[in-house]
């Protein structure tokens, strides 16, 4: 069975609302740290009226320098593992949590294409991490078939939202 990818942020609205409702019910705030999605996760969340009760802030850290300067990701970590890695995703989520008023932070780093992939990290490779004050940091390594840049980015948003929901459940 072939995985279907969301076609728009509007298609993700029911999941987004469930995440916001869960955060609000738990009395928690979220922060996002985004690379390959360029702010789409925070955009999806803040598209919903009332999101200010659950969204603290979003960090768009597209460059390696932004990851280091804004989130405190050590340059040596990026040099050792690459920006698209489990280690960097975890450091991004933990950095966003430490640099915000949020109770939970989600990070994404990946290769949305069409270029930039390699044999070890093909286009569609994405790492998602969720850090929370009351639990260990979770990580998900995804590979989304290369159905185009927007498809990969929207699938990443869906995975990030699902990861937040799992962390607060």
Protein backbone atom coordinates (compact mmCIF):
# COMPACT_ATOMS: atom_id res chain seq x y z
CA UNK A 1 0.00 0.00 0.00
CA UNK A 2 1.39 3.39 -0.99
CA UNK A 3 1.45 6.10 1.65
CA UNK A 4 -0.67 9.11 0.80
CA UNK A 5 0.72 12.55 1.43
CA UNK A 6 -1.23 15.61 2.48
CA UNK A 7 -1.85 18.04 -0.38
CA UNK A 8 -2.25 21.20 1.74
CA UNK A 9 -2.10 22.59 5.25
CA UNK A 10 -5.90 22.79 5.16
CA UNK A 11 -6.01 19.02 4.81
CA UNK A 12 -4.02 18.83 8.07
CA UNK A 13 -6.45 21.13 9.94
CA UNK A 14 -8.22 18.34 11.90
CA UNK A 15 -4.86 17.03 13.16
CA UNK A 16 -3.69 20.57 13.91
CA UNK A 17 -6.85 21.28 15.90
CA UNK A 18 -6.40 18.01 17.84
CA UNK A 19 -2.84 19.07 18.73
CA UNK A 20 -3.96 22.51 19.87
CA UNK A 21 -6.90 21.08 21.83
CA UNK A 22 -4.54 18.59 23.51
CA UNK A 23 -2.03 21.29 24.41
CA UNK A 24 -4.73 23.59 25.77
CA UNK A 25 -6.37 20.79 27.78
CA UNK A 26 -2.98 19.92 29.27
CA UNK A 27 -2.18 23.57 29.96
CA UNK A 28 0.96 23.34 27.81
CA UNK A 29 2.68 25.57 25.28
CA UNK A 30 4.63 24.46 22.21
CA UNK A 31 7.64 25.84 20.36
CA UNK A 32 8.81 24.79 16.93
CA UNK A 33 12.34 24.59 15.53
CA UNK A 34 12.14 24.17 11.77
CA UNK A 35 14.64 23.70 9.03
CA UNK A 36 13.25 21.92 5.96
CA UNK A 37 9.68 23.11 6.63
CA UNK A 38 10.69 26.76 6.92
CA UNK A 39 7.94 27.64 9.42
CA UNK A 40 5.10 25.54 8.03
CA UNK A 41 4.50 23.74 11.35
CA UNK A 42 4.14 26.98 13.27
CA UNK A 43 2.11 28.37 10.36
CA UNK A 44 -0.28 25.42 10.48
CA UNK A 45 -0.73 25.85 14.23
CA UNK A 46 -1.23 29.61 14.12
CA UNK A 47 -3.69 29.34 11.21
CA UNK A 48 -6.21 28.07 13.81
CA UNK A 49 -8.06 30.71 15.84
CA UNK A 50 -7.18 30.52 19.53
CA UNK A 51 -3.73 29.06 18.90
CA UNK A 52 -2.11 31.75 21.03
CA UNK A 53 -3.26 29.75 24.07
CA UNK A 54 -0.87 26.96 23.07
CA UNK A 55 1.84 28.33 20.73
CA UNK A 56 4.78 30.08 22.37
CA UNK A 57 7.10 30.67 19.40
CA UNK A 58 8.69 29.29 16.29
CA UNK A 59 12.33 29.23 15.28
CA UNK A 60 13.11 28.98 11.57
CA UNK A 61 16.68 27.74 11.51
CA UNK A 62 17.29 26.92 7.87
CA UNK A 63 21.05 27.49 7.92
CA UNK A 64 23.59 25.71 10.09
CA UNK A 65 24.54 29.09 11.56
CA UNK A 66 20.94 29.71 12.61
CA UNK A 67 20.80 26.30 14.30
CA UNK A 68 23.92 27.22 16.27
CA UNK A 69 23.10 30.85 17.01
CA UNK A 70 19.37 30.56 17.76
CA UNK A 71 19.12 27.07 19.26
CA UNK A 72 22.61 26.45 20.62
CA UNK A 73 23.25 23.40 18.44
CA UNK A 74 27.00 22.83 18.74
CA UNK A 75 28.84 23.36 15.44
CA UNK A 76 30.92 20.26 16.18
CA UNK A 77 27.69 18.22 16.29
CA UNK A 78 26.67 19.49 12.87
CA UNK A 79 30.18 18.87 11.52
CA UNK A 80 30.26 15.33 12.91
CA UNK A 81 26.76 14.16 11.92
CA UNK A 82 25.47 16.65 9.36
CA UNK A 83 22.54 19.02 9.77
CA UNK A 84 20.15 16.26 8.72
CA UNK A 85 20.68 13.80 11.56
CA UNK A 86 19.12 12.40 14.70
CA UNK A 87 21.70 14.17 16.85
CA UNK A 88 21.00 17.60 15.36
CA UNK A 89 17.22 17.13 15.47
CA UNK A 90 17.41 16.28 19.17
CA UNK A 91 19.71 19.24 19.87
CA UNK A 92 17.33 21.53 17.97
CA UNK A 93 14.29 20.39 19.97
CA UNK A 94 16.13 20.64 23.28
CA UNK A 95 17.52 24.05 22.30
CA UNK A 96 14.05 25.34 21.41
CA UNK A 97 12.69 24.06 24.72
CA UNK A 98 15.51 25.76 26.65
CA UNK A 99 15.12 29.05 24.76
CA UNK A 100 11.36 29.40 25.07
CA UNK A 101 8.53 29.37 27.57
CA UNK A 102 7.19 26.17 26.04
CA UNK A 103 6.58 22.87 27.78
CA UNK A 104 7.14 20.90 24.58
CA UNK A 105 9.21 21.65 21.48
CA UNK A 106 9.27 19.94 18.10
CA UNK A 107 12.12 20.12 15.61
CA UNK A 108 12.50 19.02 12.01
CA UNK A 109 15.53 18.80 9.77
CA UNK A 110 15.59 17.11 6.42
CA UNK A 111 16.16 17.13 2.69
CA UNK A 112 13.06 18.28 0.83
CA UNK A 113 14.75 18.37 -2.58
CA UNK A 114 14.80 18.39 -5.41
CA UNK A 115 18.58 18.50 -4.90
CA UNK A 116 20.77 18.03 -1.86
CA UNK A 117 20.34 14.31 -1.38
CA UNK A 118 23.05 11.66 -1.32
CA UNK A 119 23.24 7.88 -1.22
CA UNK A 120 23.37 8.01 2.59
CA UNK A 121 20.73 10.74 2.91
CA UNK A 122 18.44 10.73 -0.11
CA UNK A 123 15.86 13.40 -0.84
CA UNK A 124 12.96 12.74 1.53
CA UNK A 125 15.15 11.97 4.55
CA UNK A 126 13.73 13.77 7.60
CA UNK A 127 14.45 13.72 11.33
CA UNK A 128 11.79 14.86 13.80
CA UNK A 129 12.41 15.28 17.53
CA UNK A 130 10.14 16.28 20.40
CA UNK A 131 11.55 17.53 23.68
CA UNK A 132 9.35 18.01 26.73
CA UNK A 133 10.05 19.15 30.25
CA UNK A 134 8.60 16.00 31.77
CA UNK A 135 9.96 13.20 29.54
CA UNK A 136 12.95 12.05 27.49
CA UNK A 137 13.35 13.52 24.01
CA UNK A 138 11.71 11.41 21.29
CA UNK A 139 13.06 11.02 17.76
CA UNK A 140 11.56 9.75 14.51
CA UNK A 141 13.62 9.09 11.36
CA UNK A 142 11.47 9.27 8.24
CA UNK A 143 11.96 8.74 4.58
CA UNK A 144 9.26 10.21 2.41
CA UNK A 145 9.29 9.06 -1.20
CA UNK A 146 10.37 11.87 -3.47
CA UNK A 147 6.98 13.07 -4.71
CA UNK A 148 8.20 16.65 -4.86
CA UNK A 149 9.38 19.25 -2.42
CA UNK A 150 5.94 20.36 -1.22
CA UNK A 151 4.84 16.77 -0.68
CA UNK A 152 7.87 16.05 1.52
CA UNK A 153 7.39 19.26 3.49
CA UNK A 154 3.69 18.59 4.13
CA UNK A 155 4.39 14.98 5.15
CA UNK A 156 6.98 16.36 7.57
CA UNK A 157 4.43 18.77 9.06
CA UNK A 158 2.00 15.87 9.54
CA UNK A 159 4.69 13.79 11.27
CA UNK A 160 5.68 16.70 13.51
CA UNK A 161 2.08 17.36 14.54
CA UNK A 162 1.54 13.66 15.25
CA UNK A 163 4.74 13.61 17.31
CA UNK A 164 3.53 16.55 19.41
CA UNK A 165 0.20 14.82 19.96
CA UNK A 166 1.96 11.63 21.05
CA UNK A 167 4.16 13.58 23.46
CA UNK A 168 1.22 15.19 25.24
CA UNK A 169 -1.03 12.11 25.31
